[in-house]
Amino acid sequence: MRIRIEKCPGGVAVVVPAAVAARAGLYDGDSADLEVTGGRLIVRPAGSATLAELLAGITPLNLHGEWAAGPPAGAELL
């Protein structure tokens, strides 16, 4: 199957036909892993991130301080 590469902000885009994406397990909104091996572009579904991967993404720039939600407003159990 031959497709077209299109320019987009920050790079280029490849439109994967819906039937091909479904066969590969790629769905709208999912994350994917991308690599180049032997001159070939490989795209794989990323699956869920592990806790270690999520924690590794925390930096001083994206770490926020504590916050308070305020006093109970209804029938919350404390």
PDB file of N, CA and C in Angstrom:
ATOM      1  N   MET A   1       0.839  -1.163   0.000  1.00  0.00           N
ATOM      2  CA  MET A   1       0.000   0.000   0.000  1.00  0.00           C
ATOM      3  C   MET A   1       0.892   1.236   0.000  1.00  0.00           C
ATOM      4  N   ARG A   2       0.634   2.137  -0.874  1.00  0.00           N
ATOM      5  CA  ARG A   2       1.397   3.376  -0.956  1.00  0.00           C
ATOM      6  C   ARG A   2       0.550   4.499  -0.371  1.00  0.00           C
ATOM      7  N   ILE A   3       1.162   5.300   0.493  1.00  0.00           N
ATOM      8  CA  ILE A   3       0.473   6.424   1.109  1.00  0.00           C
ATOM      9  C   ILE A   3       1.266   7.696   0.854  1.00  0.00           C
ATOM     10  N   ARG A   4       0.736   8.814   1.300  1.00  0.00           N
ATOM     11  CA  ARG A   4       1.401  10.089   1.105  1.00  0.00           C
ATOM     12  C   ARG A   4       1.840  10.670   2.445  1.00  0.00           C
ATOM     13  N   ILE A   5       3.023  11.244   2.467  1.00  0.00           N
ATOM     14  CA  ILE A   5       3.533  11.927   3.649  1.00  0.00           C
ATOM     15  C   ILE A   5       3.127  13.386   3.540  1.00  0.00           C
ATOM     16  N   GLU A   6       2.562  13.939   4.615  1.00  0.00           N
ATOM     17  CA  GLU A   6       2.085  15.312   4.588  1.00  0.00           C
ATOM     18  C   GLU A   6       2.802  16.147   5.639  1.00  0.00           C
ATOM     19  N   LYS A   7       3.036  17.406   5.310  1.00  0.00           N
ATOM     20  CA  LYS A   7       3.676  18.328   6.239  1.00  0.00           C
ATOM     21  C   LYS A   7       2.673  18.726   7.325  1.00  0.00           C
ATOM     22  N   CYS A   8       3.157  18.810   8.558  1.00  0.00           N
ATOM     23  CA  CYS A   8       2.340  19.296   9.663  1.00  0.00           C
ATOM     24  C   CYS A   8       3.249  20.091  10.586  1.00  0.00           C
ATOM     25  N   PRO A   9       2.685  20.886  11.497  1.00  0.00           N
ATOM     26  CA  PRO A   9       3.526  21.667  12.411  1.00  0.00           C
ATOM     27  C   PRO A   9       4.475  20.760  13.202  1.00  0.00           C
ATOM     28  N   GLY A  10       5.758  21.031  13.121  1.00  0.00           N
ATOM     29  CA  GLY A  10       6.733  20.268  13.888  1.00  0.00           C
ATOM     30  C   GLY A  10       7.231  19.005  13.222  1.00  0.00           C
ATOM     31  N   GLY A  11       6.824  18.709  12.007  1.00  0.00           N
ATOM     32  CA  GLY A  11       7.307  17.494  11.352  1.00  0.00           C
ATOM     33  C   GLY A  11       6.464  17.110  10.156  1.00  0.00           C
ATOM     34  N   VAL A  12       6.293  15.821   9.998  1.00  0.00           N
ATOM     35  CA  VAL A  12       5.463  15.292   8.914  1.00  0.00           C
ATOM     36  C   VAL A  12       4.464  14.311   9.513  1.00  0.00           C
ATOM     37  N   ALA A  13       3.408  14.030   8.773  1.00  0.00           N
ATOM     38  CA  ALA A  13       2.357  13.125   9.233  1.00  0.00           C
ATOM     39  C   ALA A  13       2.147  12.004   8.231  1.00  0.00           C
ATOM     40  N   VAL A  14       1.844  10.845   8.762  1.00  0.00           N
ATOM     41  CA  VAL A  14       1.478   9.690   7.953  1.00  0.00           C
ATOM     42  C   VAL A  14       0.057   9.324   8.350  1.00  0.00           C
ATOM     43  N   VAL A  15      -0.863   9.310   7.396  1.00  0.00           N
ATOM     44  CA  VAL A  15      -2.233   8.916   7.690  1.00  0.00           C
ATOM     45  C   VAL A  15      -2.333   7.413   7.483  1.00  0.00           C
ATOM     46  N   VAL A  16      -2.659   6.716   8.551  1.00  0.00           N
ATOM     47  CA  VAL A  16      -2.782   5.257   8.497  1.00  0.00           C
ATOM     48  C   VAL A  16      -4.259   4.945   8.243  1.00  0.00           C
ATOM     49  N   PRO A  17      -4.571   4.254   7.160  1.00  0.00           N
ATOM     50  CA  PRO A  17      -5.971   3.914   6.898  1.00  0.00           C
ATOM     51  C   PRO A  17      -6.578   3.153   8.079  1.00  0.00           C
ATOM     52  N   ALA A  18      -7.862   3.399   8.360  1.00  0.00           N
ATOM     53  CA  ALA A  18      -8.535   2.838   9.523  1.00  0.00           C
ATOM     54  C   ALA A  18      -8.397   1.318   9.608  1.00  0.00           C
ATOM     55  N   ALA A  19      -8.546   0.627   8.492  1.00  0.00           N
ATOM     56  CA  ALA A  19      -8.461  -0.839   8.514  1.00  0.00           C
ATOM     57  C   ALA A  19      -7.059  -1.304   8.911  1.00  0.00           C
ATOM     58  N   VAL A  20      -6.039  -0.613   8.432  1.00  0.00           N
ATOM     59  CA  VAL A  20      -4.651  -0.976   8.764  1.00  0.00           C
ATOM     60  C   VAL A  20      -4.378  -0.664  10.232  1.00  0.00           C
ATOM     61  N   ALA A  21      -4.847   0.492  10.706  1.00  0.00           N
ATOM     62  CA  ALA A  21      -4.647   0.862  12.105  1.00  0.00           C
ATOM     63  C   ALA A  21      -5.299  -0.157  13.026  1.00  0.00           C
ATOM     64  N   ALA A  22      -6.508  -0.579  12.706  1.00  0.00           N
ATOM     65  CA  ALA A  22      -7.206  -1.568  13.533  1.00  0.00           C
ATOM     66  C   ALA A  22      -6.450  -2.888  13.569  1.00  0.00           C
ATOM     67  N   ARG A  23      -5.929  -3.322  12.428  1.00  0.00           N
ATOM     68  CA  ARG A  23      -5.158  -4.576  12.393  1.00  0.00           C
ATOM     69  C   ARG A  23      -3.901  -4.476  13.242  1.00  0.00           C
ATOM     70  N   ALA A  24      -3.330  -3.262  13.348  1.00  0.00           N
ATOM     71  CA  ALA A  24      -2.105  -3.056  14.126  1.00  0.00           C
ATOM     72  C   ALA A  24      -2.400  -2.753  15.591  1.00  0.00           C
ATOM     73  N   GLY A  25      -3.676  -2.610  15.946  1.00  0.00           N
ATOM     74  CA  GLY A  25      -4.031  -2.293  17.322  1.00  0.00           C
ATOM     75  C   GLY A  25      -3.815  -0.841  17.677  1.00  0.00           C
ATOM     76  N   LEU A  26      -3.895   0.040  16.680  1.00  0.00           N
ATOM     77  CA  LEU A  26      -3.723   1.484  16.891  1.00  0.00           C
ATOM     78  C   LEU A  26      -5.094   2.151  16.842  1.00  0.00           C
ATOM     79  N   TYR A  27      -5.430   2.914  17.898  1.00  0.00           N
ATOM     80  CA  TYR A  27      -6.741   3.547  17.966  1.00  0.00           C
ATOM     81  C   TYR A  27      -6.597   5.021  18.315  1.00  0.00           C
ATOM     82  N   ASP A  28      -7.540   5.813  17.883  1.00  0.00           N
ATOM     83  CA  ASP A  28      -7.528   7.258  18.090  1.00  0.00           C
ATOM     84  C   ASP A  28      -7.351   7.584  19.570  1.00  0.00           C
ATOM     85  N   GLY A  29      -6.397   8.451  19.878  1.00  0.00           N
ATOM     86  CA  GLY A  29      -6.154   8.871  21.241  1.00  0.00           C
ATOM     87  C   GLY A  29      -5.155   8.022  22.004  1.00  0.00           C
ATOM     88  N   ASP A  30      -4.821   6.842  21.494  1.00  0.00           N
ATOM     89  CA  ASP A  30      -3.836   5.986  22.157  1.00  0.00           C
ATOM     90  C   ASP A  30      -2.438   6.540  21.966  1.00  0.00           C
ATOM     91  N   SER A  31      -1.517   6.084  22.798  1.00  0.00           N
ATOM     92  CA  SER A  31      -0.101   6.396  22.622  1.00  0.00           C
ATOM     93  C   SER A  31       0.539   5.280  21.808  1.00  0.00           C
ATOM     94  N   ALA A  32       1.616   5.627  21.117  1.00  0.00           N
ATOM     95  CA  ALA A  32       2.337   4.635  20.320  1.00  0.00           C
ATOM     96  C   ALA A  32       3.831   4.846  20.491  1.00  0.00           C
ATOM     97  N   ASP A  33       4.583   3.769  20.345  1.00  0.00           N
ATOM     98  CA  ASP A  33       6.039   3.837  20.335  1.00  0.00           C
ATOM     99  C   ASP A  33       6.490   3.918  18.888  1.00  0.00           C
ATOM    100  N   LEU A  34       7.481   4.771  18.614  1.00  0.00           N
ATOM    101  CA  LEU A  34       7.977   4.999  17.267  1.00  0.00           C
ATOM    102  C   LEU A  34       9.483   4.800  17.268  1.00  0.00           C
ATOM    103  N   GLU A  35       9.989   4.035  16.313  1.00  0.00           N
ATOM    104  CA  GLU A  35      11.434   3.844  16.203  1.00  0.00           C
ATOM    105  C   GLU A  35      11.813   3.633  14.741  1.00  0.00           C
ATOM    106  N   VAL A  36      13.084   3.850  14.462  1.00  0.00           N
ATOM    107  CA  VAL A  36      13.624   3.592  13.130  1.00  0.00           C
ATOM    108  C   VAL A  36      14.650   2.482  13.282  1.00  0.00           C
ATOM    109  N   THR A  37      14.442   1.391  12.575  1.00  0.00           N
ATOM    110  CA  THR A  37      15.343   0.244  12.609  1.00  0.00           C
ATOM    111  C   THR A  37      15.646  -0.175  11.179  1.00  0.00           C
ATOM    112  N   GLY A  38      16.916  -0.197  10.829  1.00  0.00           N
ATOM    113  CA  GLY A  38      17.303  -0.610   9.482  1.00  0.00           C
ATOM    114  C   GLY A  38      16.643   0.210   8.396  1.00  0.00           C
ATOM    115  N   GLY A  39      16.456   1.505   8.633  1.00  0.00           N
ATOM    116  CA  GLY A  39      15.841   2.366   7.633  1.00  0.00           C
ATOM    117  C   GLY A  39      14.333   2.235   7.554  1.00  0.00           C
ATOM    118  N   ARG A  40      13.736   1.471   8.452  1.00  0.00           N
ATOM    119  CA  ARG A  40      12.274   1.294   8.468  1.00  0.00           C
ATOM    120  C   ARG A  40      11.672   1.999   9.673  1.00  0.00           C
ATOM    121  N   LEU A  41      10.548   2.634   9.453  1.00  0.00           N
ATOM    122  CA  LEU A  41       9.815   3.301  10.506  1.00  0.00           C
ATOM    123  C   LEU A  41       8.855   2.280  11.119  1.00  0.00           C
ATOM    124  N   ILE A  42       8.948   2.074  12.425  1.00  0.00           N
ATOM    125  CA  ILE A  42       8.115   1.080  13.103  1.00  0.00           C
ATOM    126  C   ILE A  42       7.251   1.793  14.136  1.00  0.00           C
ATOM    127  N   VAL A  43       5.947   1.552  14.069  1.00  0.00           N
ATOM    128  CA  VAL A  43       4.986   2.140  15.002  1.00  0.00           C
ATOM    129  C   VAL A  43       4.290   0.988  15.718  1.00  0.00           C
ATOM    130  N   ARG A  44       4.304   1.025  17.063  1.00  0.00           N
ATOM    131  CA  ARG A  44       3.671  -0.023  17.860  1.00  0.00           C
ATOM    132  C   ARG A  44       2.763   0.625  18.901  1.00  0.00           C
ATOM    133  N   PRO A  45       1.638  -0.030  19.220  1.00  0.00           N
ATOM    134  CA  PRO A  45       0.831   0.484  20.332  1.00  0.00           C
ATOM    135  C   PRO A  45       1.683   0.498  21.595  1.00  0.00           C
ATOM    136  N   ALA A  46       1.599   1.573  22.373  1.00  0.00           N
ATOM    137  CA  ALA A  46       2.451   1.701  23.547  1.00  0.00           C
ATOM    138  C   ALA A  46       1.888   0.974  24.764  1.00  0.00           C
ATOM    139  N   GLY A  47       0.598   0.764  24.823  1.00  0.00           N
ATOM    140  CA  GLY A  47       0.024   0.169  26.017  1.00  0.00           C
ATOM    141  C   GLY A  47       0.033   1.172  27.151  1.00  0.00           C
ATOM    142  N   SER A  48      -0.304   0.707  28.320  1.00  0.00           N
ATOM    143  CA  SER A  48      -0.367   1.584  29.485  1.00  0.00           C
ATOM    144  C   SER A  48       1.031   1.857  30.026  1.00  0.00           C
ATOM    145  N   ALA A  49       1.235   3.062  30.504  1.00  0.00           N
ATOM    146  CA  ALA A  49       2.512   3.411  31.119  1.00  0.00           C
ATOM    147  C   ALA A  49       2.598   2.749  32.489  1.00  0.00           C
ATOM    148  N   THR A  50       3.785   2.356  32.866  1.00  0.00           N
ATOM    149  CA  THR A  50       4.002   1.797  34.196  1.00  0.00           C
ATOM    150  C   THR A  50       4.121   2.941  35.196  1.00  0.00           C
ATOM    151  N   LEU A  51       3.977   2.620  36.472  1.00  0.00           N
ATOM    152  CA  LEU A  51       4.139   3.632  37.502  1.00  0.00           C
ATOM    153  C   LEU A  51       5.542   4.230  37.436  1.00  0.00           C
ATOM    154  N   ALA A  52       6.549   3.406  37.204  1.00  0.00           N
ATOM    155  CA  ALA A  52       7.929   3.896  37.111  1.00  0.00           C
ATOM    156  C   ALA A  52       8.080   4.887  35.955  1.00  0.00           C
ATOM    157  N   GLU A  53       7.443   4.615  34.807  1.00  0.00           N
ATOM    158  CA  GLU A  53       7.512   5.534  33.665  1.00  0.00           C
ATOM    159  C   GLU A  53       6.814   6.854  33.981  1.00  0.00           C
ATOM    160  N   LEU A  54       5.666   6.773  34.653  1.00  0.00           N
ATOM    161  CA  LEU A  54       4.957   8.001  35.023  1.00  0.00           C
ATOM    162  C   LEU A  54       5.771   8.825  36.002  1.00  0.00           C
ATOM    163  N   LEU A  55       6.354   8.183  37.015  1.00  0.00           N
ATOM    164  CA  LEU A  55       7.162   8.901  37.995  1.00  0.00           C
ATOM    165  C   LEU A  55       8.420   9.488  37.370  1.00  0.00           C
ATOM    166  N   ALA A  56       8.990   8.802  36.378  1.00  0.00           N
ATOM    167  CA  ALA A  56      10.188   9.313  35.708  1.00  0.00           C
ATOM    168  C   ALA A  56       9.893  10.610  34.950  1.00  0.00           C
ATOM    169  N   GLY A  57       8.625  10.838  34.613  1.00  0.00           N
ATOM    170  CA  GLY A  57       8.249  12.044  33.889  1.00  0.00           C
ATOM    171  C   GLY A  57       8.089  13.268  34.769  1.00  0.00           C
ATOM    172  N   ILE A  58       8.182  13.094  36.103  1.00  0.00           N
ATOM    173  CA  ILE A  58       8.046  14.223  37.019  1.00  0.00           C
ATOM    174  C   ILE A  58       9.364  14.993  37.068  1.00  0.00           C
ATOM    175  N   THR A  59       9.266  16.286  36.845  1.00  0.00           N
ATOM    176  CA  THR A  59      10.444  17.158  36.912  1.00  0.00           C
ATOM    177  C   THR A  59      10.118  18.346  37.814  1.00  0.00           C
ATOM    178  N   PRO A  60      11.121  19.087  38.245  1.00  0.00           N
ATOM    179  CA  PRO A  60      10.835  20.288  39.041  1.00  0.00           C
ATOM    180  C   PRO A  60       9.938  21.283  38.294  1.00  0.00           C
ATOM    181  N   LEU A  61       9.961  21.264  36.968  1.00  0.00           N
ATOM    182  CA  LEU A  61       9.150  22.200  36.191  1.00  0.00           C
ATOM    183  C   LEU A  61       7.672  21.823  36.157  1.00  0.00           C
ATOM    184  N   ASN A  62       7.353  20.519  36.258  1.00  0.00           N
ATOM    185  CA  ASN A  62       5.945  20.130  36.174  1.00  0.00           C
ATOM    186  C   ASN A  62       5.379  19.631  37.504  1.00  0.00           C
ATOM    187  N   LEU A  63       6.154  19.739  38.573  1.00  0.00           N
ATOM    188  CA  LEU A  63       5.707  19.312  39.898  1.00  0.00           C
ATOM    189  C   LEU A  63       5.013  20.483  40.579  1.00  0.00           C
ATOM    190  N   HIS A  64       3.757  20.289  40.953  1.00  0.00           N
ATOM    191  CA  HIS A  64       3.029  21.364  41.621  1.00  0.00           C
ATOM    192  C   HIS A  64       3.019  21.134  43.128  1.00  0.00           C
ATOM    193  N   GLY A  65       2.713  22.181  43.861  1.00  0.00           N
ATOM    194  CA  GLY A  65       2.653  22.093  45.315  1.00  0.00           C
ATOM    195  C   GLY A  65       1.344  21.479  45.773  1.00  0.00           C
ATOM    196  N   GLU A  66       1.203  21.384  47.075  1.00  0.00           N
ATOM    197  CA  GLU A  66      -0.032  20.857  47.641  1.00  0.00           C
ATOM    198  C   GLU A  66      -1.169  21.842  47.412  1.00  0.00           C
ATOM    199  N   TRP A  67      -2.393  21.330  47.427  1.00  0.00           N
ATOM    200  CA  TRP A  67      -3.550  22.210  47.313  1.00  0.00           C
ATOM    201  C   TRP A  67      -4.652  21.641  48.200  1.00  0.00           C
ATOM    202  N   ALA A  68      -5.534  22.498  48.618  1.00  0.00           N
ATOM    203  CA  ALA A  68      -6.639  22.088  49.485  1.00  0.00           C
ATOM    204  C   ALA A  68      -7.941  22.224  48.725  1.00  0.00           C
ATOM    205  N   ALA A  69      -8.795  21.240  48.855  1.00  0.00           N
ATOM    206  CA  ALA A  69     -10.083  21.259  48.173  1.00  0.00           C
ATOM    207  C   ALA A  69     -11.125  22.038  48.969  1.00  0.00           C
ATOM    208  N   GLY A  70     -10.787  22.422  50.180  1.00  0.00           N
ATOM    209  CA  GLY A  70     -11.736  23.164  51.010  1.00  0.00           C
ATOM    210  C   GLY A  70     -12.472  22.225  51.955  1.00  0.00           C
ATOM    211  N   PRO A  71     -13.383  22.772  52.743  1.00  0.00           N
ATOM    212  CA  PRO A  71     -14.122  21.964  53.708  1.00  0.00           C
ATOM    213  C   PRO A  71     -15.129  21.072  52.994  1.00  0.00           C
ATOM    214  N   PRO A  72     -15.631  20.029  53.697  1.00  0.00           N
ATOM    215  CA  PRO A  72     -16.655  19.181  53.077  1.00  0.00           C
ATOM    216  C   PRO A  72     -17.860  20.018  52.630  1.00  0.00           C
ATOM    217  N   ALA A  73     -18.392  19.667  51.466  1.00  0.00           N
ATOM    218  CA  ALA A  73     -19.512  20.430  50.916  1.00  0.00           C
ATOM    219  C   ALA A  73     -20.795  19.620  50.877  1.00  0.00           C
ATOM    220  N   GLY A  74     -20.714  18.337  51.212  1.00  0.00           N
ATOM    221  CA  GLY A  74     -21.905  17.483  51.137  1.00  0.00           C
ATOM    222  C   GLY A  74     -21.814  16.383  52.165  1.00  0.00           C
ATOM    223  N   ALA A  75     -22.023  15.162  51.724  1.00  0.00           N
ATOM    224  CA  ALA A  75     -22.040  14.012  52.630  1.00  0.00           C
ATOM    225  C   ALA A  75     -20.768  13.176  52.498  1.00  0.00           C
ATOM    226  N   GLU A  76     -19.623  13.845  52.269  1.00  0.00           N
ATOM    227  CA  GLU A  76     -18.374  13.108  52.134  1.00  0.00           C
ATOM    228  C   GLU A  76     -18.015  12.434  53.449  1.00  0.00           C
ATOM    229  N   LEU A  77     -17.400  11.259  53.332  1.00  0.00           N
ATOM    230  CA  LEU A  77     -16.904  10.567  54.516  1.00  0.00           C
ATOM    231  C   LEU A  77     -15.460  10.939  54.704  1.00  0.00           C
ATOM    232  N   LEU A  78     -15.100  11.445  55.864  1.00  0.00           N
ATOM    233  CA  LEU A  78     -13.730  11.856  56.124  1.00  0.00           C
ATOM    234  C   LEU A  78     -13.054  10.895  57.055  1.00  0.00           C
TER     235      LEU A  78
END
